[in-house]
Amino acid sequence: MLLEVKDLEVHHGKARALKGVSLTVNEGEVVALIGANGAGKTSLLRTVSGLNRLTSGEIWFAGRRIDKTPGHERVKMGIAHIPAGRRIFAELTVKQNLELGSYTRRDKREVAKDFENMYKVFPILKQKQGHVAGTLSGGEQQMLATSRGLVSKPRLVLMDEPSLGLSPVLVQEVGRIIQAVGQGRLSILLVEQNALLALRLASRAYVLELGEIVLEGNSMELVNDERVKKAYLGL
């Protein structure tokens, strides 16, 4: 087991965002987290990466308890957070964005190799490596945000709403991105507004409602669950 979250409670002011949430992610596994807006999905990812403070509970990563570990140390340990909204450094070039993603690393030759690997997965980024990132299309910016996270050499990728605001064609491209990442045997905890896409990409999934896990299981089983069909799949 790579990530284990135990009885996680998180508050935003007086409001309780997460209520006793527990979940796991194994090595090389894609796990989806689905739920309505405001369910607490982003709060969970931000807490795992160290951006939010927890009220109670435990977070374990690779056999080590990390809930009191600063966020920048979690990056060094191998946790990459790719936030919602394609948050790139719009005024910097594509290459400069990637360089910022690798700031914790000192193995320059390996970093250069990883840049080339990203360019192989997403050839358009190599073509536009000198372009200002803000001029990229929405899909290209998502590729860049993903690549920037991956060049930190993570073991676990926290991916938040990668298809948000994209056209149906670009949503398919996002699915290809996640599949390409998963083939590298990385672990992914995926938060995605497109529940059907998330369930198709993941092997397991959790359903979060009002800060609580209400369903969990094999993704294909959840696709056929009547409650999931009605609430999240529009079926």
Protein backbone atom coordinates (compact mmCIF):
# COMPACT_ATOMS: atom_id res chain seq x y z
CA MET A 1 0.00 0.00 0.00
CA LEU A 2 1.40 3.38 -1.02
CA LEU A 3 -1.12 5.85 0.44
CA GLU A 4 -3.41 5.31 3.39
CA VAL A 5 -5.76 7.97 4.74
CA LYS A 6 -7.33 7.13 8.10
CA ASP A 7 -10.40 8.84 9.64
CA LEU A 8 -9.53 12.20 8.12
CA GLU A 9 -11.34 15.27 9.45
CA VAL A 10 -10.79 18.72 7.92
CA HIS A 11 -12.44 22.02 8.78
CA HIS A 12 -12.63 25.27 6.81
CA GLY A 13 -13.30 27.69 9.61
CA LYS A 14 -16.26 26.24 11.52
CA ALA A 15 -17.47 24.19 8.56
CA ARG A 16 -16.44 20.54 8.48
CA ALA A 17 -15.25 19.68 4.96
CA LEU A 18 -14.24 16.04 5.57
CA LYS A 19 -15.83 13.72 8.11
CA GLY A 20 -13.85 10.59 8.98
CA VAL A 21 -12.67 9.84 5.44
CA SER A 22 -10.55 6.71 4.94
CA LEU A 23 -9.12 5.45 1.65
CA THR A 24 -6.12 3.66 0.17
CA VAL A 25 -4.09 3.74 -3.04
CA ASN A 26 -1.80 0.85 -3.94
CA GLU A 27 1.41 0.93 -5.95
CA GLY A 28 0.70 1.35 -9.66
CA GLU A 29 -3.03 1.84 -9.14
CA VAL A 30 -5.42 4.48 -10.49
CA VAL A 31 -8.13 5.27 -7.92
CA ALA A 32 -10.99 7.66 -8.67
CA LEU A 33 -12.78 9.95 -6.23
CA ILE A 34 -16.15 11.13 -7.50
CA GLY A 35 -18.87 13.29 -6.01
CA ALA A 36 -20.86 16.48 -6.48
CA ASN A 37 -19.35 19.95 -6.26
CA GLY A 38 -18.68 20.78 -2.62
CA ALA A 39 -18.41 17.15 -1.57
CA GLY A 40 -14.86 17.65 -0.30
CA LYS A 41 -12.85 16.07 -3.12
CA THR A 42 -10.43 18.96 -3.63
CA SER A 43 -10.10 19.41 0.14
CA LEU A 44 -8.97 15.79 0.38
CA LEU A 45 -6.28 16.19 -2.28
CA ARG A 46 -5.07 19.45 -0.75
CA THR A 47 -4.81 17.81 2.65
CA VAL A 48 -2.84 14.85 1.32
CA SER A 49 -0.40 17.20 -0.45
CA GLY A 50 -0.03 19.42 2.62
CA LEU A 51 -1.86 22.53 1.40
CA ASN A 52 -4.68 22.08 3.94
CA ARG A 53 -4.28 21.27 7.61
CA LEU A 54 -6.21 18.36 9.04
CA THR A 55 -8.24 18.53 12.23
CA SER A 56 -7.75 14.87 13.09
CA GLY A 57 -6.87 11.56 11.49
CA GLU A 58 -3.72 10.18 9.88
CA ILE A 59 -2.05 10.20 6.46
CA TRP A 60 0.51 7.48 5.69
CA PHE A 61 2.72 7.41 2.59
CA ALA A 62 5.09 4.54 1.77
CA GLY A 63 4.93 3.29 5.34
CA ARG A 64 5.59 6.69 6.94
CA ARG A 65 3.13 8.95 8.70
CA ILE A 66 3.21 12.35 6.95
CA ASP A 67 0.27 14.41 8.23
CA LYS A 68 2.66 16.69 10.12
CA THR A 69 5.21 16.81 7.29
CA PRO A 70 5.38 20.15 5.38
CA GLY A 71 4.07 20.15 1.83
CA HIS A 72 7.45 20.79 0.18
CA GLU A 73 8.85 17.75 1.97
CA ARG A 74 5.99 15.64 0.68
CA VAL A 75 7.01 16.65 -2.85
CA LYS A 76 10.52 15.40 -2.14
CA MET A 77 9.06 12.15 -0.82
CA GLY A 78 7.28 11.57 -4.14
CA ILE A 79 3.83 13.20 -4.00
CA ALA A 80 2.90 15.42 -6.96
CA HIS A 81 -0.26 17.53 -6.86
CA ILE A 82 -1.69 18.62 -10.22
CA PRO A 83 -4.40 21.12 -9.20
CA ALA A 84 -7.64 21.93 -10.97
CA GLY A 85 -7.81 24.63 -13.61
CA ARG A 86 -4.50 23.95 -15.40
CA ARG A 87 -2.55 26.21 -13.04
CA ILE A 88 0.58 26.83 -15.02
CA PHE A 89 2.93 29.81 -14.86
CA ALA A 90 1.36 31.58 -17.83
CA GLU A 91 4.10 34.20 -18.33
CA LEU A 92 6.93 31.65 -18.38
CA THR A 93 7.84 29.38 -21.26
CA VAL A 94 6.89 25.72 -21.48
CA LYS A 95 10.45 24.69 -20.63
CA GLN A 96 10.64 27.08 -17.67
CA ASN A 97 7.43 25.57 -16.28
CA LEU A 98 9.00 22.12 -16.49
CA GLU A 99 12.16 23.37 -14.82
CA LEU A 100 10.11 24.66 -11.89
CA GLY A 101 8.54 21.22 -11.61
CA SER A 102 11.96 19.66 -11.14
CA TYR A 103 13.24 22.20 -8.56
CA THR A 104 13.62 19.59 -5.79
CA ARG A 105 15.92 17.41 -7.88
CA ARG A 106 19.70 17.60 -8.20
CA ASP A 107 20.24 14.83 -10.78
CA LYS A 108 20.56 17.11 -13.81
CA ARG A 109 21.15 14.33 -16.35
CA GLU A 110 18.12 12.38 -15.14
CA VAL A 111 16.03 15.54 -15.19
CA ALA A 112 17.02 16.13 -18.83
CA LYS A 113 16.01 12.53 -19.64
CA ASP A 114 12.66 13.02 -17.95
CA PHE A 115 12.06 16.19 -19.97
CA GLU A 116 12.66 14.18 -23.12
CA ASN A 117 10.30 11.45 -21.88
CA MET A 118 7.57 14.06 -21.39
CA TYR A 119 8.24 15.38 -24.89
CA LYS A 120 7.80 11.85 -26.24
CA VAL A 121 4.46 11.45 -24.46
CA PHE A 122 3.32 14.96 -25.48
CA PRO A 123 5.24 15.91 -28.67
CA ILE A 124 3.47 19.27 -28.96
CA LEU A 125 5.27 20.43 -25.81
CA LYS A 126 8.64 19.83 -27.45
CA GLN A 127 7.55 21.83 -30.48
CA LYS A 128 6.44 24.67 -28.22
CA GLN A 129 9.05 24.45 -25.44
CA GLY A 130 10.14 28.04 -26.09
CA HIS A 131 6.59 29.41 -26.28
CA VAL A 132 4.99 31.39 -23.46
CA ALA A 133 2.76 28.91 -21.65
CA GLY A 134 -0.24 31.23 -21.57
CA THR A 135 -0.50 31.02 -25.37
CA LEU A 136 -1.10 27.26 -25.32
CA SER A 137 -4.54 25.75 -25.90
CA GLY A 138 -6.51 24.35 -22.98
CA GLY A 139 -5.51 20.78 -23.79
CA GLU A 140 -1.87 21.75 -24.21
CA GLN A 141 -1.91 23.55 -20.87
CA GLN A 142 -3.27 20.39 -19.23
CA MET A 143 -0.42 18.42 -20.82
CA LEU A 144 2.03 20.98 -19.43
CA ALA A 145 0.50 20.94 -15.93
CA THR A 146 0.67 17.14 -15.94
CA SER A 147 4.24 17.09 -17.23
CA ARG A 148 5.35 19.65 -14.66
CA GLY A 149 4.01 17.40 -11.92
CA LEU A 150 5.64 14.29 -13.37
CA VAL A 151 9.15 15.73 -13.69
CA SER A 152 9.27 16.00 -9.91
CA LYS A 153 9.75 12.19 -10.08
CA PRO A 154 6.66 11.27 -8.05
CA ARG A 155 5.40 7.92 -6.87
CA LEU A 156 1.89 9.26 -6.33
CA VAL A 157 0.07 11.81 -8.51
CA LEU A 158 -2.90 13.72 -7.07
CA MET A 159 -4.83 14.85 -10.14
CA ASP A 160 -7.69 17.31 -9.62
CA GLU A 161 -10.40 17.84 -12.26
CA PRO A 162 -8.17 17.45 -15.35
CA SER A 163 -11.10 17.77 -17.79
CA LEU A 164 -12.61 20.89 -16.17
CA GLY A 165 -13.73 23.43 -18.78
CA LEU A 166 -12.53 21.41 -21.76
CA SER A 167 -14.41 20.49 -24.93
CA PRO A 168 -15.51 16.86 -25.46
CA VAL A 169 -12.59 16.34 -27.87
CA LEU A 170 -10.10 17.61 -25.29
CA VAL A 171 -11.74 15.48 -22.59
CA GLN A 172 -10.78 12.45 -24.67
CA GLU A 173 -7.24 13.84 -24.83
CA VAL A 174 -7.18 14.12 -21.03
CA GLY A 175 -8.16 10.45 -20.83
CA ARG A 176 -5.18 9.64 -23.06
CA ILE A 177 -2.92 11.69 -20.78
CA ILE A 178 -4.02 9.77 -17.68
CA GLN A 179 -3.60 6.43 -19.45
CA ALA A 180 -0.10 7.46 -20.57
CA VAL A 181 0.80 8.42 -17.01
CA GLY A 182 -0.61 5.19 -15.61
CA GLN A 183 1.42 3.09 -18.01
CA GLY A 184 4.52 4.36 -16.24
CA ARG A 185 3.32 2.39 -13.19
CA LEU A 186 2.72 5.53 -11.17
CA SER A 187 -0.10 5.62 -8.66
CA ILE A 188 -2.86 8.16 -9.32
CA LEU A 189 -5.60 9.50 -7.06
CA LEU A 190 -7.97 11.08 -9.57
CA VAL A 191 -10.66 13.63 -8.80
CA GLU A 192 -12.80 14.16 -11.89
CA GLN A 193 -16.13 15.91 -12.57
CA ASN A 194 -16.77 13.52 -15.46
CA ALA A 195 -17.69 10.50 -13.36
CA LEU A 196 -17.97 8.11 -16.28
CA LEU A 197 -14.50 9.06 -17.54
CA ALA A 198 -13.06 8.63 -14.05
CA LEU A 199 -14.64 5.22 -13.56
CA ARG A 200 -13.42 4.04 -16.96
CA LEU A 201 -9.83 5.08 -16.18
CA ALA A 202 -9.64 3.79 -12.59
CA SER A 203 -9.54 0.29 -11.21
CA ARG A 204 -11.24 1.29 -7.95
CA ALA A 205 -13.29 4.29 -6.87
CA TYR A 206 -14.76 6.06 -3.87
CA VAL A 207 -17.93 8.17 -3.85
CA LEU A 208 -17.78 11.22 -1.60
CA GLU A 209 -20.94 13.02 -0.42
CA LEU A 210 -20.93 15.97 1.97
CA GLY A 211 -17.46 15.10 3.22
CA GLU A 212 -18.10 11.39 3.78
CA ILE A 213 -17.33 8.24 1.78
CA VAL A 214 -20.71 6.67 1.01
CA LEU A 215 -19.68 4.04 -1.56
CA GLU A 216 -16.48 2.32 -2.61
CA GLY A 217 -15.47 -0.59 -4.77
CA ASN A 218 -14.46 -1.85 -8.19
CA SER A 219 -15.02 0.86 -10.80
CA MET A 220 -17.02 -1.32 -13.15
CA GLU A 221 -19.28 -2.39 -10.30
CA LEU A 222 -19.90 1.25 -9.43
CA VAL A 223 -20.68 2.09 -13.07
CA ASN A 224 -23.56 -0.40 -12.79
CA ASP A 225 -24.69 0.71 -9.33
CA GLU A 226 -28.15 2.27 -9.57
CA ARG A 227 -27.34 5.02 -7.07
CA VAL A 228 -24.23 6.03 -9.02
CA LYS A 229 -26.09 5.88 -12.34
CA LYS A 230 -28.83 8.17 -11.07
CA ALA A 231 -26.70 10.66 -9.11
CA TYR A 232 -23.51 10.94 -11.18
CA LEU A 233 -23.87 9.32 -14.59
CA GLY A 234 -27.18 10.82 -15.67
CA LEU A 235 -28.60 7.41 -16.48
